[in-house]
Amino acid sequence: MPLTPCPDCNSSDLRPVLRLPPVRAKGAAVARTSRGSGGEIGARRSAAIGAALVAIVLEVLCAAHANASPGSRCRHYCASAIDECQQQGEPRRRCRQRYVRLCKSSGFTACDLTPTTTSTTIAPPPPTTTMTPTTTTTTNTTPGCALPGHCSSGTCPAGSVCGQLSPGLFCGCVPLDQTCRISEAPGCGGTCPSGETCGYSSSSASCVCVDAANTCVIGQAPSCGGTCPSGQICGVSGGSCVCVDTDHTCEISAVPSCGGTCPSGQICGQESGTNVCTCVGPGATCTISQVPACGGTCPGGAVCGQASGANFCTCVDPSNTCEISQAPSCGGGCAAPGQVCGQASGENYCTCISTSDTCAISQVPACGGTCPSGQICGQQSGTNRCICASSDYTCAISEAPACGGTCPGTMSCTDVGGMCGCG
């Protein structure tokens, strides 16, 4: 039964935390109870309870991260990919800048581009890809195994075992030589492939396998002290232990002074909106300026400003200043024709939206914006957001416990944990 308890997670916008594949926003699905044998009714009730529990788990996960800045969410989500990049010999600064920049411009899936080699099974969410910081092992996750909290009862293919993936609440199948991935943090006592060591990575808040020559990343701040590849040293950056080149000690210097070394021609400063130091060129000092002033330089004619609804400075195209305007006024311009700048429904940031879908920038309880043909604008059930719902699915914009909206076919609109869904 498909559930969409956290529609924010399916938006194409960067700000939602859980980047799930697009699904039709129809609220939570629930099994209907009808006349029949007691066993059939009991099974349907169990299914409804299970669906509600999964919906609640996903809603809590979304809510927990809703107020984080795009930069911090990208750094958190891409932590494993950044670690993996560093394990392959790239300076951590370059890895972090590459993935965070890609994440900000293309969304969280930008951190899932590294080829995978090992299949793993998790349930839920729907298919995604997770990188683990090790030189030889990555994980490609797909639905299955068991519901959260019931990992021990899950079944897996021969040669693998079901367990709670670290970090998170979800269950997954991992090879028997990679049980480090399902060991409990911060103890982390599981198995790893030959030549690798299991430990706790504070940057990804998970148990990971790392090469024995690079144990710095599983060292604990502030002492750190682990091994690093030749020509690098171990230190603390952003509360985590990292290896950096000797000409990049800026990254392991302390904020706000940021007095470490940088390559020739670059400047060491506090990365905007974070507690880490970084090296930047003289034409990109916007990224080391601080809100609300945001007075640094930008390359290519871009302008520097405070990212909408966030606490960091960023460079944007002069034709797309909506991204650095602030809610609720949202007076910036939009680069794409046929779009307007407005406050995202139920959020504190500004976004550009098509003039045919201004429902997405209207606010509750009025929700009076436009929608594509055949759809209706209304308050999404159980949330403070306005969405467009098809005329045969107004259940999604009805309110619990009444839940009186329409549903496709023979389905009925039902209250599931304070939200209305068709089942």
Protein backbone atom coordinates (compact mmCIF):
# COMPACT_ATOMS: atom_id res chain seq x y z
CA MET A 1 0.00 0.00 0.00
CA PRO A 2 1.69 3.31 -1.06
CA LEU A 3 2.04 5.95 1.61
CA THR A 4 2.83 9.62 1.15
CA PRO A 5 2.72 10.98 4.71
CA CYS A 6 5.46 13.49 4.04
CA PRO A 7 4.81 15.16 0.66
CA ASP A 8 7.61 17.63 1.35
CA CYS A 9 9.97 14.73 0.78
CA ASN A 10 8.84 14.38 -2.81
CA SER A 11 9.30 17.99 -3.85
CA SER A 12 11.84 18.87 -6.50
CA ASP A 13 12.99 21.70 -4.27
CA LEU A 14 16.22 21.25 -2.33
CA ARG A 15 14.84 22.00 1.12
CA PRO A 16 12.96 18.79 1.95
CA VAL A 17 15.20 16.25 3.68
CA LEU A 18 14.13 12.82 2.41
CA ARG A 19 14.70 12.70 -1.30
CA LEU A 20 12.23 10.02 -2.44
CA PRO A 21 11.26 9.21 -6.02
CA PRO A 22 8.22 11.26 -7.17
CA VAL A 23 4.90 9.76 -6.14
CA ARG A 24 1.37 11.07 -6.54
CA ALA A 25 0.50 13.10 -3.46
CA LYS A 26 -2.53 11.20 -2.26
CA GLY A 27 -2.03 11.12 1.46
CA ALA A 28 -1.70 7.86 3.37
CA ALA A 29 -3.35 4.72 2.10
CA VAL A 30 -5.28 2.54 4.51
CA ALA A 31 -6.95 -0.84 4.22
CA ARG A 32 -10.76 -0.79 4.40
CA THR A 33 -12.57 -2.98 6.86
CA SER A 34 -15.56 -4.71 5.32
CA ARG A 35 -17.89 -7.54 6.14
CA GLY A 36 -16.27 -10.98 5.94
CA SER A 37 -14.43 -13.52 8.02
CA GLY A 38 -12.83 -12.43 11.28
CA GLY A 39 -9.39 -13.37 9.88
CA GLU A 40 -9.83 -11.10 6.85
CA ILE A 41 -10.93 -8.16 8.99
CA GLY A 42 -8.05 -8.72 11.40
CA ALA A 43 -5.52 -8.85 8.55
CA ARG A 44 -6.85 -5.61 7.10
CA ARG A 45 -6.76 -3.90 10.48
CA SER A 46 -3.13 -5.03 10.94
CA ALA A 47 -2.25 -3.65 7.52
CA ALA A 48 -3.83 -0.31 8.38
CA ILE A 49 -1.93 -0.13 11.67
CA GLY A 50 1.34 -0.97 9.90
CA ALA A 51 0.69 1.68 7.28
CA ALA A 52 -0.05 4.27 9.93
CA LEU A 53 3.15 3.43 11.83
CA VAL A 54 5.28 3.85 8.71
CA ALA A 55 3.51 7.13 7.94
CA ILE A 56 4.22 8.43 11.44
CA VAL A 57 7.90 7.42 11.23
CA LEU A 58 8.41 9.20 7.91
CA GLU A 59 6.50 12.30 9.08
CA VAL A 60 8.69 12.53 12.19
CA LEU A 61 11.84 12.18 10.11
CA CYS A 62 10.70 14.98 7.81
CA ALA A 63 9.75 17.27 10.68
CA ALA A 64 13.06 16.69 12.45
CA HIS A 65 15.00 18.22 9.56
CA ALA A 66 12.56 20.74 8.14
CA ASN A 67 14.31 23.79 9.58
CA ALA A 68 17.89 22.88 8.61
CA SER A 69 19.58 25.06 6.02
CA PRO A 70 20.14 23.61 2.52
CA GLY A 71 23.90 23.79 3.06
CA SER A 72 23.82 21.90 6.37
CA ARG A 73 21.37 19.34 5.00
CA CYS A 74 23.61 18.76 1.98
CA ARG A 75 26.66 18.35 4.19
CA HIS A 76 24.80 15.84 6.37
CA TYR A 77 23.23 13.88 3.51
CA CYS A 78 26.45 13.83 1.46
CA ALA A 79 28.74 12.98 4.40
CA SER A 80 29.23 9.36 3.33
CA ALA A 81 29.88 10.34 -0.29
CA ILE A 82 32.38 12.97 0.89
CA ASP A 83 34.12 10.37 3.07
CA GLU A 84 34.21 7.92 0.14
CA CYS A 85 35.68 10.60 -2.13
CA GLN A 86 38.36 11.37 0.44
CA GLN A 87 39.22 7.68 0.83
CA GLN A 88 40.03 7.64 -2.88
CA GLY A 89 42.77 10.25 -2.42
CA GLU A 90 40.97 13.56 -3.03
CA PRO A 91 41.47 16.34 -0.46
CA ARG A 92 38.44 16.49 1.81
CA ARG A 93 37.93 20.19 1.05
CA ARG A 94 37.55 19.48 -2.65
CA CYS A 95 35.25 16.50 -1.98
CA ARG A 96 33.02 18.53 0.34
CA GLN A 97 32.84 21.53 -1.99
CA ARG A 98 32.11 19.30 -5.00
CA TYR A 99 29.29 17.34 -3.39
CA VAL A 100 27.73 20.23 -1.50
CA ARG A 101 27.79 22.40 -4.63
CA LEU A 102 26.19 19.60 -6.69
CA CYS A 103 23.65 18.96 -3.95
CA LYS A 104 22.65 22.63 -3.75
CA SER A 105 22.23 22.90 -7.50
CA SER A 106 20.80 19.47 -8.38
CA GLY A 107 19.31 18.12 -5.14
CA PHE A 108 20.28 15.30 -2.80
CA THR A 109 20.47 12.72 -5.60
CA ALA A 110 23.70 14.41 -6.67
CA CYS A 111 25.37 12.54 -3.79
CA ASP A 112 24.16 9.20 -5.16
CA LEU A 113 26.10 9.32 -8.42
CA THR A 114 29.11 7.19 -7.44
CA PRO A 115 28.84 3.67 -8.98
CA THR A 116 27.75 0.99 -6.55
CA THR A 117 29.00 -2.59 -6.26
CA THR A 118 27.13 -4.30 -3.46
CA SER A 119 23.37 -4.86 -3.30
CA THR A 120 21.52 -4.20 -0.06
CA THR A 121 17.84 -4.28 0.83
CA ILE A 122 15.99 -1.78 3.03
CA ALA A 123 12.38 -0.93 3.79
CA PRO A 124 11.10 1.78 3.58
CA PRO A 125 11.85 4.24 1.85
CA PRO A 126 11.61 3.57 -1.89
CA PRO A 127 14.84 2.95 -3.88
CA THR A 128 17.77 5.26 -3.23
CA THR A 129 21.53 4.89 -3.04
CA THR A 130 23.71 5.22 0.04
CA MET A 131 27.48 5.52 0.01
CA THR A 132 29.60 4.14 2.86
CA PRO A 133 33.03 5.68 3.57
CA THR A 134 35.31 2.77 2.58
CA THR A 135 37.76 2.30 -0.24
CA THR A 136 36.19 -0.91 -1.53
CA THR A 137 32.61 -1.21 -0.35
CA THR A 138 29.51 0.77 -1.31
CA THR A 139 25.86 -0.04 -0.75
CA ASN A 140 22.97 0.09 -3.19
CA THR A 141 19.73 0.00 -1.23
CA THR A 142 16.37 -1.31 -2.49
CA PRO A 143 13.04 -1.95 -0.73
CA GLY A 144 12.59 -5.09 1.41
CA CYS A 145 13.81 -6.86 4.57
CA ALA A 146 11.49 -5.74 7.40
CA LEU A 147 9.56 -2.86 8.94
CA PRO A 148 11.39 -0.52 11.33
CA GLY A 149 11.76 -2.11 14.74
CA HIS A 150 11.36 -5.66 13.41
CA CYS A 151 14.74 -6.21 11.73
CA SER A 152 15.36 -9.50 13.56
CA SER A 153 12.35 -11.05 11.84
CA GLY A 154 13.41 -9.98 8.33
CA THR A 155 14.57 -12.45 5.68
CA CYS A 156 17.53 -11.95 3.35
CA PRO A 157 19.24 -13.82 0.51
CA ALA A 158 21.86 -16.44 1.38
CA GLY A 159 25.10 -14.87 2.56
CA SER A 160 23.47 -11.76 4.03
CA VAL A 161 21.65 -10.80 7.20
CA CYS A 162 18.85 -8.35 8.07
CA GLY A 163 19.57 -5.61 10.59
CA GLN A 164 18.98 -1.96 11.46
CA LEU A 165 21.05 0.14 9.10
CA SER A 166 23.36 2.69 10.70
CA PRO A 167 22.30 5.48 10.86
CA GLY A 168 18.52 5.38 10.77
CA LEU A 169 15.45 3.37 11.71
CA PHE A 170 15.24 1.20 8.61
CA CYS A 171 16.10 -2.47 8.20
CA GLY A 172 18.42 -3.72 5.50
CA CYS A 173 20.18 -6.82 4.21
CA VAL A 174 23.98 -6.63 4.29
CA PRO A 175 26.64 -9.23 3.37
CA LEU A 176 27.97 -11.27 6.28
CA ASP A 177 31.39 -9.59 5.94
CA GLN A 178 29.81 -6.13 6.30
CA THR A 179 27.79 -6.40 9.51
CA CYS A 180 29.59 -3.26 10.66
CA ARG A 181 26.81 -1.44 8.74
CA ILE A 182 24.16 -2.86 11.10
CA SER A 183 26.15 -2.72 14.33
CA GLU A 184 25.07 -0.28 17.01
CA ALA A 185 26.72 3.14 17.07
CA PRO A 186 28.92 4.37 18.59
CA GLY A 187 30.27 0.94 19.67
CA CYS A 188 30.41 -0.40 16.10
CA GLY A 189 31.60 -3.98 16.49
CA GLY A 190 30.59 -5.55 13.18
CA THR A 191 32.58 -7.29 10.46
CA CYS A 192 34.33 -5.63 7.50
CA PRO A 193 36.01 -6.88 4.32
CA SER A 194 39.67 -7.89 4.58
CA GLY A 195 41.99 -4.96 5.23
CA GLU A 196 39.27 -2.70 6.58
CA THR A 197 38.32 -1.64 10.09
CA CYS A 198 34.88 -1.01 11.61
CA GLY A 199 34.37 2.21 13.51
CA TYR A 200 32.08 5.13 14.23
CA SER A 201 32.12 8.00 11.74
CA SER A 202 30.96 11.15 13.51
CA SER A 203 30.55 12.94 10.16
CA SER A 204 27.84 10.50 9.02
CA ALA A 205 26.76 9.38 12.54
CA SER A 206 27.06 5.76 11.46
CA CYS A 207 29.17 2.62 11.70
CA VAL A 208 31.41 2.32 8.65
CA CYS A 209 34.24 0.21 7.24
CA VAL A 210 37.42 2.13 6.42
CA ASP A 211 40.81 1.20 5.07
CA ALA A 212 43.31 0.48 7.83
CA ALA A 213 45.54 3.23 6.41
CA ASN A 214 42.84 5.86 6.91
CA THR A 215 41.42 5.40 10.40
CA CYS A 216 41.41 9.16 11.01
CA VAL A 217 37.81 9.33 9.79
CA ILE A 218 36.69 7.02 12.61
CA GLY A 219 38.73 8.84 15.22
CA GLN A 220 36.86 10.87 17.81
CA ALA A 221 37.17 14.63 18.14
CA PRO A 222 38.93 16.55 19.52
CA SER A 223 41.84 14.11 19.95
CA CYS A 224 41.45 12.32 16.56
CA GLY A 225 44.88 10.79 15.98
CA GLY A 226 44.03 8.16 13.37
CA THR A 227 46.07 7.25 10.29
CA CYS A 228 45.97 9.21 7.01
CA PRO A 229 47.26 8.62 3.49
CA SER A 230 50.79 9.79 2.78
CA GLY A 231 51.14 13.57 2.72
CA GLN A 232 48.03 14.25 4.80
CA ILE A 233 47.45 14.96 8.48
CA CYS A 234 44.53 14.18 10.77
CA GLY A 235 42.57 16.92 12.51
CA VAL A 236 39.13 18.20 13.48
CA SER A 237 36.78 19.89 11.02
CA GLY A 238 33.18 20.63 11.94
CA GLY A 239 33.35 18.29 14.93
CA SER A 240 34.61 15.33 12.87
CA CYS A 241 38.07 13.90 12.29
CA VAL A 242 39.36 14.32 8.72
CA CYS A 243 42.56 13.95 6.73
CA VAL A 244 43.78 17.05 4.90
CA ASP A 245 46.76 17.95 2.74
CA THR A 246 49.52 19.86 4.46
CA ASP A 247 48.68 22.95 2.38
CA HIS A 248 45.03 22.75 3.45
CA THR A 249 45.34 22.93 7.25
CA CYS A 250 42.83 25.79 7.04
CA GLU A 251 40.19 23.07 7.08
CA ILE A 252 41.28 21.83 10.52
CA SER A 253 41.86 25.28 12.03
CA ALA A 254 39.45 26.67 14.60
CA VAL A 255 36.63 29.11 13.89
CA PRO A 256 36.24 32.04 13.81
CA SER A 257 39.98 32.81 13.43
CA CYS A 258 40.58 30.17 10.71
CA GLY A 259 44.35 30.57 10.60
CA GLY A 260 45.45 27.45 8.68
CA THR A 261 47.28 27.13 5.38
CA CYS A 262 45.73 27.36 1.90
CA PRO A 263 47.11 26.86 -1.62
CA SER A 264 48.76 29.91 -3.15
CA GLY A 265 46.33 32.72 -3.93
CA GLN A 266 43.52 31.39 -1.74
CA ILE A 267 42.10 32.76 1.51
CA CYS A 268 41.18 30.88 4.69
CA GLY A 269 37.87 31.82 6.30
CA GLN A 270 34.81 30.51 8.09
CA GLU A 271 32.46 28.85 5.64
CA SER A 272 29.21 30.79 5.66
CA GLY A 273 26.62 29.40 8.04
CA THR A 274 28.89 26.65 9.39
CA ASN A 275 31.48 26.12 12.10
CA VAL A 276 34.24 25.00 9.71
CA CYS A 277 37.06 26.82 7.94
CA THR A 278 37.67 26.57 4.22
CA CYS A 279 39.91 27.94 1.47
CA VAL A 280 38.39 30.08 -1.29
CA GLY A 281 39.68 32.14 -4.17
CA PRO A 282 39.65 35.95 -3.95
CA GLY A 283 36.73 36.07 -6.39
CA ALA A 284 34.45 33.91 -4.25
CA THR A 285 34.63 35.36 -0.77
CA CYS A 286 30.82 35.43 -0.58
CA THR A 287 31.02 31.85 0.67
CA ILE A 288 33.06 32.96 3.70
CA SER A 289 30.98 36.05 4.48
CA GLN A 290 28.33 35.85 7.19
CA VAL A 291 24.67 36.76 7.38
CA PRO A 292 23.01 39.19 7.29
CA ALA A 293 25.72 41.34 5.63
CA CYS A 294 26.82 38.78 2.97
CA GLY A 295 29.21 41.24 1.40
CA GLY A 296 31.68 38.94 -0.33
CA THR A 297 32.64 38.62 -3.99
CA CYS A 298 31.08 36.24 -6.53
CA PRO A 299 32.41 34.90 -9.84
CA GLY A 300 30.90 35.50 -13.26
CA GLY A 301 28.72 38.48 -12.41
CA ALA A 302 26.71 36.64 -9.76
CA VAL A 303 25.45 38.53 -6.72
CA CYS A 304 25.99 37.64 -3.07
CA GLY A 305 23.10 37.45 -0.63
CA GLN A 306 21.54 35.54 2.23
CA ALA A 307 19.97 32.33 0.97
CA SER A 308 16.22 32.54 1.37
CA GLY A 309 15.08 31.16 4.70
CA ALA A 310 18.60 30.10 5.63
CA ASN A 311 21.57 31.40 7.62
CA PHE A 312 24.31 31.31 5.00
CA CYS A 313 25.46 33.50 2.12
CA THR A 314 25.39 32.30 -1.46
CA CYS A 315 25.99 33.53 -5.00
CA VAL A 316 23.04 33.60 -7.41
CA ASP A 317 22.44 34.74 -10.97
CA PRO A 318 21.25 38.37 -11.01
CA SER A 319 18.11 37.25 -12.83
CA ASN A 320 17.19 34.79 -10.07
CA THR A 321 17.29 36.90 -6.92
CA CYS A 322 14.18 35.19 -5.60
CA GLU A 323 16.64 32.71 -4.07
CA ILE A 324 18.11 35.45 -1.88
CA SER A 325 14.88 37.29 -1.05
CA GLN A 326 13.24 36.66 2.30
CA ALA A 327 9.75 35.57 3.28
CA PRO A 328 7.08 36.76 3.48
CA SER A 329 7.76 39.62 1.04
CA CYS A 330 9.74 37.49 -1.48
CA GLY A 331 10.41 40.35 -3.88
CA GLY A 332 13.15 38.78 -5.98
CA GLY A 333 13.12 37.93 -9.68
CA CYS A 334 12.87 34.54 -11.40
CA ALA A 335 15.12 33.43 -14.25
CA ALA A 336 12.61 31.20 -16.01
CA PRO A 337 9.83 32.89 -18.00
CA GLY A 338 6.30 32.38 -16.73
CA GLN A 339 7.34 32.05 -13.09
CA VAL A 340 6.73 34.23 -10.05
CA CYS A 341 8.53 34.50 -6.73
CA GLY A 342 6.58 33.73 -3.58
CA GLN A 343 6.74 32.18 -0.14
CA ALA A 344 6.59 28.40 -0.39
CA SER A 345 3.37 27.21 1.17
CA GLY A 346 3.85 26.43 4.85
CA GLU A 347 7.55 27.32 4.71
CA ASN A 348 9.76 30.31 5.55
CA TYR A 349 11.63 30.61 2.25
CA CYS A 350 10.94 32.03 -1.21
CA THR A 351 10.76 30.01 -4.39
CA CYS A 352 9.96 30.47 -8.07
CA ILE A 353 6.80 28.76 -9.25
CA SER A 354 4.84 28.61 -12.50
CA THR A 355 1.94 31.05 -12.77
CA SER A 356 -0.30 28.03 -13.41
CA ASP A 357 0.54 26.54 -10.01
CA THR A 358 0.52 29.42 -7.53
CA CYS A 359 -1.34 27.20 -5.08
CA ALA A 360 2.17 26.13 -4.05
CA ILE A 361 2.90 29.69 -2.83
CA SER A 362 -0.50 30.37 -1.24
CA GLN A 363 -0.93 30.01 2.51
CA VAL A 364 -3.40 28.22 4.74
CA PRO A 365 -6.24 28.44 5.47
CA ALA A 366 -7.18 30.39 2.31
CA CYS A 367 -5.15 28.32 -0.21
CA GLY A 368 -6.42 30.40 -3.09
CA GLY A 369 -3.76 29.91 -5.75
CA THR A 370 -4.01 28.50 -9.26
CA CYS A 371 -3.71 24.82 -10.17
CA PRO A 372 -3.24 22.88 -13.41
CA SER A 373 -6.46 22.03 -15.26
CA GLY A 374 -8.68 19.56 -13.42
CA GLN A 375 -7.09 20.13 -10.01
CA ILE A 376 -8.23 21.99 -6.90
CA CYS A 377 -6.17 24.02 -4.42
CA GLY A 378 -6.65 23.22 -0.77
CA GLN A 379 -4.95 22.63 2.56
CA GLN A 380 -3.18 19.29 2.57
CA SER A 381 -4.61 16.98 5.17
CA GLY A 382 -2.74 17.10 8.47
CA THR A 383 -0.30 19.82 7.36
CA ASN A 384 -0.06 23.60 7.04
CA ARG A 385 0.60 23.48 3.29
CA CYS A 386 -1.54 24.16 0.25
CA ILE A 387 -1.46 21.61 -2.57
CA CYS A 388 -3.24 20.89 -5.83
CA ALA A 389 -5.40 17.76 -5.73
CA SER A 390 -7.20 16.11 -8.62
CA SER A 391 -10.99 16.31 -8.50
CA ASP A 392 -11.23 12.57 -7.86
CA TYR A 393 -8.85 12.79 -4.92
CA THR A 394 -10.05 15.63 -2.72
CA CYS A 395 -9.59 13.29 0.23
CA ALA A 396 -6.01 14.63 0.25
CA ILE A 397 -7.29 18.12 1.10
CA SER A 398 -10.02 17.08 3.56
CA GLU A 399 -9.44 17.23 7.29
CA ALA A 400 -9.39 14.45 9.86
CA PRO A 401 -11.31 13.02 11.57
CA ALA A 402 -14.20 13.75 9.16
CA CYS A 403 -12.16 12.94 6.01
CA GLY A 404 -15.02 13.61 3.61
CA GLY A 405 -13.19 14.01 0.32
CA THR A 406 -13.41 11.97 -2.88
CA CYS A 407 -11.31 8.89 -3.73
CA PRO A 408 -10.70 7.06 -6.99
CA GLY A 409 -12.80 4.00 -7.80
CA THR A 410 -14.29 2.17 -4.85
CA MET A 411 -11.76 3.44 -2.31
CA SER A 412 -12.95 5.39 0.72
CA CYS A 413 -11.46 8.38 2.53
CA THR A 414 -10.26 7.41 6.01
CA ASP A 415 -8.49 8.98 8.97
CA VAL A 416 -4.98 7.53 9.46
CA GLY A 417 -3.12 9.10 12.38
CA GLY A 418 -4.67 12.54 11.88
CA MET A 419 -4.29 12.55 8.10
CA CYS A 420 -6.83 11.57 5.45
CA GLY A 421 -5.99 8.92 2.89
CA CYS A 422 -7.76 6.66 0.40
CA GLY A 423 -7.86 2.95 1.04
